[in-house]
């Protein structure tokens, strides 16, 4: 196994910054950056639209799809390659067979991009939308149960809430929704769970799982994926249609049916190599255990400071630690810390600062961040 020090040495950003913003965008490992450059260069050697180049690209794309599927515990054909989590959510929202008066239930801690997509869909198609208060709810399952109606067709939630780091009990939520007299589909925003939680989406039985590769997986920006449960592909219709999504003039029968047209294939080479880099350090479970160890360490140290309040009342179950410091606005605190080489971010939705703790995070970084916050 690669040591943590050797693993960190593969990430140029970690040599110059104390990086605590993986939930915004993870830094690229050097091998991934080189893979992107090499892929672009090799396509030019082959001739970018030659038969040889297109054959090579097809093989690489199949390899990339298998790598993503292995991390998620799904079959490669269940995946749609997208640009972002929000793209995946839009594919689902616009592709379901809605009827006027159908109801969408959405959590109160969802990302503004997904909220906007839900509102646009509902406004155009005559759907009803309600928000349920899941943020820091002691029993989120009971909250969801109380807000489901006979007209509810879709629940939209995040596996890990982006503004607090709260992990929702997805398996229990799926059982609740699927067990209704009129089963409720569940669309999951996985931006903060992929690359953090060990996942087996097939075993979970999740309906739709939209994700991005540029955060905790430390891939290039502009790449994501959507998992669709196989039996729902006959239900979910493509909205945008292009050559990648059709075969002999008909929609494909797998996840490619929601893909449209030309994309920067070389970037997906970078994502696949980034995944390889992570697996060289440890399994998803080993990475998660290390991550929780580090996020718990930061949560405990911040909770011990008299003028700092962590939003989560208990130890974190993911890599996000959200907090406030009395007497300093989140924006002021983030800027002061950045001036000292610490990368964090503000979350306006909760008026807080969010630190993203990775398995790559070192004990020394946690110590240094805590001292810097205390001194600010």
Protein backbone atom coordinates (compact mmCIF):
# COMPACT_ATOMS: atom_id res chain seq x y z
CA UNK A 1 0.00 0.00 0.00
CA UNK A 2 1.19 3.51 -0.81
CA UNK A 3 1.97 5.57 2.28
CA UNK A 4 -0.12 8.65 2.99
CA UNK A 5 2.95 10.88 2.50
CA UNK A 6 3.67 9.35 -0.91
CA UNK A 7 0.00 9.61 -1.86
CA UNK A 8 -0.14 13.28 -0.90
CA UNK A 9 3.00 13.92 -2.93
CA UNK A 10 1.04 13.01 -6.08
CA UNK A 11 -1.23 16.06 -5.62
CA UNK A 12 0.50 19.34 -6.55
CA UNK A 13 -2.05 21.47 -4.68
CA UNK A 14 -1.30 19.68 -1.43
CA UNK A 15 2.30 20.83 -1.66
CA UNK A 16 1.32 24.51 -1.58
CA UNK A 17 -2.02 24.65 0.29
CA UNK A 18 -3.76 23.28 3.36
CA UNK A 19 -6.66 21.98 1.32
CA UNK A 20 -10.09 21.69 2.98
CA UNK A 21 -12.38 22.26 0.00
CA UNK A 22 -12.82 18.80 -1.57
CA UNK A 23 -16.58 19.26 -1.33
CA UNK A 24 -16.22 22.18 -3.74
CA UNK A 25 -13.59 20.70 -6.03
CA UNK A 26 -10.87 18.18 -5.33
CA UNK A 27 -7.31 18.81 -6.52
CA UNK A 28 -6.12 16.74 -9.47
CA UNK A 29 -3.38 14.19 -8.88
CA UNK A 30 -0.42 14.64 -11.18
CA UNK A 31 -0.96 11.27 -12.95
CA UNK A 32 -4.51 12.34 -13.86
CA UNK A 33 -3.29 15.65 -15.26
CA UNK A 34 -0.71 13.79 -17.35
CA UNK A 35 -3.35 11.31 -18.56
CA UNK A 36 -5.51 14.16 -19.84
CA UNK A 37 -2.59 15.77 -21.67
CA UNK A 38 -1.45 12.46 -23.13
CA UNK A 39 -4.95 11.57 -24.33
CA UNK A 40 -5.34 14.85 -26.17
CA UNK A 41 -1.86 14.47 -27.68
CA UNK A 42 -2.37 10.86 -28.76
CA UNK A 43 -5.65 11.64 -30.49
CA UNK A 44 -3.78 14.20 -32.60
CA UNK A 45 -1.11 11.66 -33.47
CA UNK A 46 -3.77 9.23 -34.62
CA UNK A 47 -5.79 11.92 -36.35
CA UNK A 48 -8.65 13.17 -34.18
CA UNK A 49 -11.44 11.82 -36.40
CA UNK A 50 -9.71 8.86 -37.97
CA UNK A 51 -11.07 5.37 -37.68
CA UNK A 52 -8.07 4.42 -35.57
CA UNK A 53 -8.67 7.30 -33.17
CA UNK A 54 -12.39 6.60 -32.86
CA UNK A 55 -11.72 2.93 -32.13
CA UNK A 56 -9.20 3.89 -29.45
CA UNK A 57 -11.63 6.40 -27.90
CA UNK A 58 -14.42 3.79 -27.78
CA UNK A 59 -12.15 1.36 -25.93
CA UNK A 60 -11.06 4.04 -23.48
CA UNK A 61 -14.65 5.13 -22.81
CA UNK A 62 -15.65 1.53 -22.07
CA UNK A 63 -12.74 1.25 -19.64
CA UNK A 64 -13.71 4.51 -17.96
CA UNK A 65 -17.32 3.39 -17.58
CA UNK A 66 -16.19 0.12 -15.97
CA UNK A 67 -14.01 2.04 -13.50
CA UNK A 68 -16.92 4.24 -12.41
CA UNK A 69 -19.22 1.23 -12.14
CA UNK A 70 -16.76 -0.61 -9.90
CA UNK A 71 -16.70 2.29 -7.43
CA UNK A 72 -20.50 2.45 -7.33
CA UNK A 73 -21.31 -1.26 -7.22
CA UNK A 74 -23.32 -1.23 -10.45
CA UNK A 75 -23.19 -2.69 -13.94
CA UNK A 76 -21.48 -0.38 -16.48
CA UNK A 77 -24.56 -0.30 -18.71
CA UNK A 78 -26.59 1.40 -15.96
CA UNK A 79 -24.46 4.54 -16.14
CA UNK A 80 -24.98 7.67 -18.18
CA UNK A 81 -21.89 9.85 -18.57
CA UNK A 82 -22.79 13.47 -17.89
CA UNK A 83 -21.16 16.81 -17.14
CA UNK A 84 -22.33 17.25 -13.54
CA UNK A 85 -24.63 16.20 -10.73
CA UNK A 86 -27.14 18.83 -11.83
CA UNK A 87 -27.16 17.46 -15.37
CA UNK A 88 -28.07 14.04 -14.03
CA UNK A 89 -30.86 15.49 -11.92
CA UNK A 90 -32.25 17.34 -14.95
CA UNK A 91 -32.28 14.13 -17.00
CA UNK A 92 -34.51 12.55 -14.36
CA UNK A 93 -36.73 15.56 -13.68
CA UNK A 94 -37.55 16.16 -17.34
CA UNK A 95 -37.70 12.50 -18.33
CA UNK A 96 -40.27 11.06 -15.91
CA UNK A 97 -43.88 10.54 -17.11
CA UNK A 98 -45.48 13.38 -15.17
CA UNK A 99 -49.17 14.14 -14.97
CA UNK A 100 -50.54 17.57 -13.93
CA UNK A 101 -51.01 17.63 -10.17
CA UNK A 102 -48.24 15.11 -9.43
CA UNK A 103 -46.24 15.96 -6.33
CA UNK A 104 -42.47 16.33 -5.81
CA UNK A 105 -41.13 16.31 -2.26
CA UNK A 106 -37.70 17.89 -1.80
CA UNK A 107 -35.55 18.29 1.29
CA UNK A 108 -34.77 21.73 2.70
CA UNK A 109 -31.02 21.17 2.43
CA UNK A 110 -30.70 20.72 -1.32
CA UNK A 111 -28.23 22.55 -3.51
CA UNK A 112 -29.64 25.67 -5.24
CA UNK A 113 -28.99 24.19 -8.68
CA UNK A 114 -31.22 21.21 -7.98
CA UNK A 115 -33.85 23.37 -6.30
CA UNK A 116 -33.98 25.58 -9.40
CA UNK A 117 -34.33 22.53 -11.68
CA UNK A 118 -37.23 21.20 -9.57
CA UNK A 119 -38.98 24.57 -9.60
CA UNK A 120 -38.57 24.97 -13.36
CA UNK A 121 -39.88 21.48 -14.05
CA UNK A 122 -42.84 21.92 -11.72
CA UNK A 123 -43.76 25.33 -13.08
CA UNK A 124 -43.72 24.21 -16.68
CA UNK A 125 -45.51 20.89 -16.18
CA UNK A 126 -48.06 21.87 -13.54
CA UNK A 127 -46.56 19.86 -10.68
CA UNK A 128 -46.85 20.48 -6.95
CA UNK A 129 -43.70 20.92 -4.85
CA UNK A 130 -43.30 20.80 -1.09
CA UNK A 131 -40.22 21.08 1.09
CA UNK A 132 -39.62 18.89 4.13
CA UNK A 133 -37.32 20.05 6.99
CA UNK A 134 -34.52 17.48 7.02
CA UNK A 135 -31.68 19.74 8.12
CA UNK A 136 -30.43 18.42 11.49
CA UNK A 137 -33.70 16.52 11.96
CA UNK A 138 -33.28 13.87 14.69
CA UNK A 139 -35.50 11.47 12.72
CA UNK A 140 -35.41 12.36 9.01
CA UNK A 141 -37.32 9.20 8.11
CA UNK A 142 -40.30 10.31 10.20
CA UNK A 143 -40.15 13.78 8.63
CA UNK A 144 -40.26 12.35 5.11
CA UNK A 145 -43.06 9.96 6.02
CA UNK A 146 -45.15 12.84 7.38
CA UNK A 147 -44.72 14.86 4.17
CA UNK A 148 -45.44 12.17 1.58
CA UNK A 149 -48.90 12.38 0.02
CA UNK A 150 -50.91 10.05 -2.25
CA UNK A 151 -49.88 12.31 -5.15
CA UNK A 152 -46.14 12.17 -4.40
CA UNK A 153 -44.29 10.63 -7.34
CA UNK A 154 -40.71 11.71 -6.59
CA UNK A 155 -38.56 12.47 -3.54
CA UNK A 156 -35.44 14.57 -4.20
CA UNK A 157 -32.77 14.41 -1.51
CA UNK A 158 -29.01 14.41 -1.03
CA UNK A 159 -27.27 11.39 0.43
CA UNK A 160 -24.99 13.80 2.31
CA UNK A 161 -26.36 17.30 2.90
CA UNK A 162 -23.95 19.80 1.38
CA UNK A 163 -24.42 22.52 3.99
CA UNK A 164 -24.15 20.49 7.22
CA UNK A 165 -22.50 17.17 6.35
CA UNK A 166 -25.50 15.24 7.66
CA UNK A 167 -25.78 11.72 6.18
CA UNK A 168 -29.36 10.67 5.46
CA UNK A 169 -30.41 7.03 6.06
CA UNK A 170 -30.85 6.28 2.39
CA UNK A 171 -31.60 2.56 2.69
CA UNK A 172 -34.45 3.25 5.15
CA UNK A 173 -35.76 6.11 3.01
CA UNK A 174 -35.85 3.87 -0.06
CA UNK A 175 -37.77 1.17 1.82
CA UNK A 176 -40.27 3.77 3.01
CA UNK A 177 -40.82 5.26 -0.45
CA UNK A 178 -40.92 1.99 -2.35
CA UNK A 179 -43.33 0.49 0.18
CA UNK A 180 -46.05 3.09 -0.38
CA UNK A 181 -49.33 1.99 -2.04
CA UNK A 182 -48.20 4.19 -4.95
CA UNK A 183 -44.40 3.70 -4.88
CA UNK A 184 -42.41 6.93 -4.80
CA UNK A 185 -39.26 7.22 -6.90
CA UNK A 186 -36.17 8.64 -5.19
CA UNK A 187 -33.69 10.93 -6.96
CA UNK A 188 -30.46 11.27 -5.00
CA UNK A 189 -28.00 14.13 -5.31
CA UNK A 190 -24.72 12.31 -4.68
CA UNK A 191 -22.32 15.24 -5.06
CA UNK A 192 -21.12 14.92 -1.45
CA UNK A 193 -21.39 11.15 -1.03
CA UNK A 194 -19.52 9.75 -4.05
CA UNK A 195 -15.87 9.37 -3.16
CA UNK A 196 -16.78 9.48 0.54
CA UNK A 197 -19.18 6.68 1.44
CA UNK A 198 -18.50 3.09 0.36
CA UNK A 199 -21.33 2.44 -2.10
CA UNK A 200 -23.23 -0.52 -3.50
CA UNK A 201 -26.08 1.10 -5.40
CA UNK A 202 -27.34 -2.21 -6.71
CA UNK A 203 -27.79 -3.57 -3.19
CA UNK A 204 -29.39 -0.32 -2.05
CA UNK A 205 -31.99 -0.48 -4.81
CA UNK A 206 -31.75 3.24 -5.42
CA UNK A 207 -33.76 4.61 -8.35
CA UNK A 208 -31.63 7.50 -9.61
CA UNK A 209 -28.21 8.55 -8.30
CA UNK A 210 -26.66 11.67 -9.84
CA UNK A 211 -23.01 12.41 -9.19
CA UNK A 212 -19.93 14.35 -10.14
CA UNK A 213 -16.31 13.27 -10.43
CA UNK A 214 -14.56 16.53 -9.62
CA UNK A 215 -15.12 16.67 -5.87
CA UNK A 216 -14.10 13.81 -3.57
CA UNK A 217 -12.83 11.66 -6.46
CA UNK A 218 -10.42 14.50 -7.38
CA UNK A 219 -11.15 14.23 -11.10
CA UNK A 220 -11.33 17.03 -13.65
CA UNK A 221 -14.29 19.39 -13.59
CA UNK A 222 -17.02 18.94 -16.17
CA UNK A 223 -17.55 15.21 -15.65
CA UNK A 224 -20.31 13.35 -13.86
CA UNK A 225 -22.62 10.37 -14.19
CA UNK A 226 -26.16 9.23 -13.55
CA UNK A 227 -27.09 5.78 -12.31
CA UNK A 228 -30.55 4.62 -13.32
CA UNK A 229 -32.07 1.45 -11.93
CA UNK A 230 -32.30 -0.86 -14.98
CA UNK A 231 -36.06 -1.45 -14.80
CA UNK A 232 -36.66 2.32 -14.84
CA UNK A 233 -35.01 2.95 -18.20
CA UNK A 234 -38.27 2.11 -19.92
CA UNK A 235 -39.95 4.73 -17.70
CA UNK A 236 -37.38 7.53 -17.95
CA UNK A 237 -37.50 9.06 -21.44
CA UNK A 238 -34.59 10.98 -23.00
CA UNK A 239 -35.18 14.72 -23.22
CA UNK A 240 -32.14 15.80 -25.23
CA UNK A 241 -31.32 13.32 -27.99
CA UNK A 242 -28.16 12.94 -30.06
CA UNK A 243 -26.02 10.43 -31.87
CA UNK A 244 -24.49 8.95 -28.71
CA UNK A 245 -27.91 8.05 -27.36
CA UNK A 246 -29.30 6.23 -30.38
CA UNK A 247 -28.56 3.08 -32.31
CA UNK A 248 -30.12 2.42 -35.72
CA UNK A 249 -32.33 5.46 -35.14
CA UNK A 250 -33.77 4.21 -31.83
CA UNK A 251 -32.87 5.11 -28.23
CA UNK A 252 -30.28 2.75 -26.80
CA UNK A 253 -31.46 0.25 -24.19
CA UNK A 254 -28.86 1.18 -21.58
CA UNK A 255 -27.59 4.27 -19.78
CA UNK A 256 -26.14 5.69 -22.98
CA UNK A 257 -29.65 6.55 -24.15
CA UNK A 258 -29.46 9.79 -22.11
CA UNK A 259 -26.10 10.84 -23.56
CA UNK A 260 -26.21 13.36 -26.36
CA UNK A 261 -23.17 14.16 -28.48
CA UNK A 262 -19.48 15.04 -28.53
CA UNK A 263 -17.68 15.55 -25.23
CA UNK A 264 -14.05 15.96 -24.18
CA UNK A 265 -13.19 12.27 -23.87
CA UNK A 266 -9.66 13.05 -22.65
CA UNK A 267 -11.08 14.40 -19.40
CA UNK A 268 -12.62 11.03 -18.62
CA UNK A 269 -9.13 9.56 -18.91
CA UNK A 270 -8.14 11.88 -16.09
CA UNK A 271 -11.05 10.74 -13.93
CA UNK A 272 -10.25 7.07 -14.47
CA UNK A 273 -6.61 7.62 -13.52
CA UNK A 274 -7.67 9.62 -10.45
CA UNK A 275 -9.75 6.63 -9.35
CA UNK A 276 -6.75 4.37 -9.91
CA UNK A 277 -4.64 6.65 -7.72
CA UNK A 278 -7.14 6.37 -4.87
CA UNK A 279 -7.36 2.58 -5.12
CA UNK A 280 -3.58 2.37 -4.85
CA UNK A 281 -3.84 3.79 -1.33
CA UNK A 282 -6.81 1.72 -0.13
CA UNK A 283 -10.29 0.34 -0.68
CA UNK A 284 -13.37 2.58 -0.51
CA UNK A 285 -13.98 1.32 3.04
CA UNK A 286 -10.39 1.99 4.11
CA UNK A 287 -10.51 5.47 2.60
CA UNK A 288 -13.82 6.17 4.33
CA UNK A 289 -12.53 5.00 7.71
CA UNK A 290 -9.50 7.26 7.42
CA UNK A 291 -11.68 10.16 6.34
CA UNK A 292 -14.04 9.77 9.29
CA UNK A 293 -11.08 9.59 11.62
CA UNK A 294 -9.84 12.94 10.32
CA UNK A 295 -13.24 14.68 10.15
CA UNK A 296 -14.00 13.51 13.70
CA UNK A 297 -10.65 14.84 14.86
CA UNK A 298 -11.42 18.27 13.39
CA UNK A 299 -14.99 18.24 14.77
CA UNK A 300 -13.71 17.41 18.27
CA UNK A 301 -11.01 20.07 18.20
CA UNK A 302 -13.38 22.77 16.93
CA UNK A 303 -16.09 21.76 19.41
CA UNK A 304 -13.57 22.27 22.22
CA UNK A 305 -13.06 25.94 21.26
CA UNK A 306 -15.36 28.15 23.35
CA UNK A 307 -16.24 30.55 20.52
CA UNK A 308 -16.80 27.92 17.79
CA UNK A 309 -20.04 26.04 17.19
CA UNK A 310 -20.21 23.01 14.90
CA UNK A 311 -23.53 22.59 13.13
CA UNK A 312 -23.63 18.82 13.56
CA UNK A 313 -24.50 17.97 17.18
CA UNK A 314 -22.61 14.68 16.97
CA UNK A 315 -19.51 13.29 15.34
CA UNK A 316 -19.58 13.46 11.53
CA UNK A 317 -20.40 10.43 9.39
CA UNK A 318 -18.89 12.00 6.27
CA UNK A 319 -16.12 14.43 5.39
CA UNK A 320 -17.92 17.76 5.87
CA UNK A 321 -17.51 19.80 9.06
CA UNK A 322 -19.62 22.98 9.10
CA UNK A 323 -19.11 25.55 11.84
CA UNK A 324 -19.43 29.16 12.93
CA UNK A 325 -17.09 31.33 15.00
CA UNK A 326 -18.56 33.99 17.24
CA UNK A 327 -17.58 37.53 16.32
CA UNK A 328 -16.36 36.72 12.80
CA UNK A 329 -18.51 36.43 9.69
CA UNK A 330 -18.02 33.29 7.61
CA UNK A 331 -16.72 35.35 4.71
CA UNK A 332 -14.16 37.13 6.88
CA UNK A 333 -12.99 33.88 8.42
CA UNK A 334 -12.59 32.09 5.07
CA UNK A 335 -10.67 35.03 3.60
CA UNK A 336 -8.37 35.28 6.61
CA UNK A 337 -7.68 31.57 6.49
CA UNK A 338 -7.05 31.66 2.75
CA UNK A 339 -4.50 34.42 3.26
CA UNK A 340 -2.67 31.90 5.46
CA UNK A 341 -2.85 29.10 2.88
CA UNK A 342 -5.99 27.30 4.10
CA UNK A 343 -8.69 26.57 1.49
CA UNK A 344 -12.24 26.38 2.91
CA UNK A 345 -15.54 27.88 1.77
CA UNK A 346 -18.62 29.66 3.06
CA UNK A 347 -22.11 28.18 2.82
CA UNK A 348 -24.57 31.10 2.61
CA UNK A 349 -27.54 28.75 3.03
CA UNK A 350 -26.43 28.02 6.61
CA UNK A 351 -24.35 31.15 7.21
CA UNK A 352 -21.36 29.00 8.11
CA UNK A 353 -17.90 27.90 7.10
CA UNK A 354 -17.47 24.40 5.66
CA UNK A 355 -14.30 22.36 5.92
CA UNK A 356 -14.01 19.30 3.67
CA UNK A 357 -11.85 16.59 5.21
CA UNK A 358 -10.47 13.85 2.94
CA UNK A 359 -8.56 10.67 3.64
CA UNK A 360 -5.65 12.68 2.19
CA UNK A 361 -5.95 15.20 5.04
CA UNK A 362 -3.14 14.88 7.57
CA UNK A 363 -3.27 15.19 11.35
CA UNK A 364 -0.86 18.10 11.08
CA UNK A 365 -3.23 19.93 8.75
CA UNK A 366 -6.10 19.47 11.20
CA UNK A 367 -3.92 20.78 14.04
CA UNK A 368 -2.78 23.75 11.97
CA UNK A 369 -6.32 24.65 10.86
CA UNK A 370 -7.64 24.48 14.40
CA UNK A 371 -4.85 26.78 15.63
CA UNK A 372 -5.48 29.24 12.80
CA UNK A 373 -9.21 29.36 13.55
CA UNK A 374 -8.56 29.84 17.23
CA UNK A 375 -6.17 32.71 16.51
CA UNK A 376 -8.51 34.53 14.09
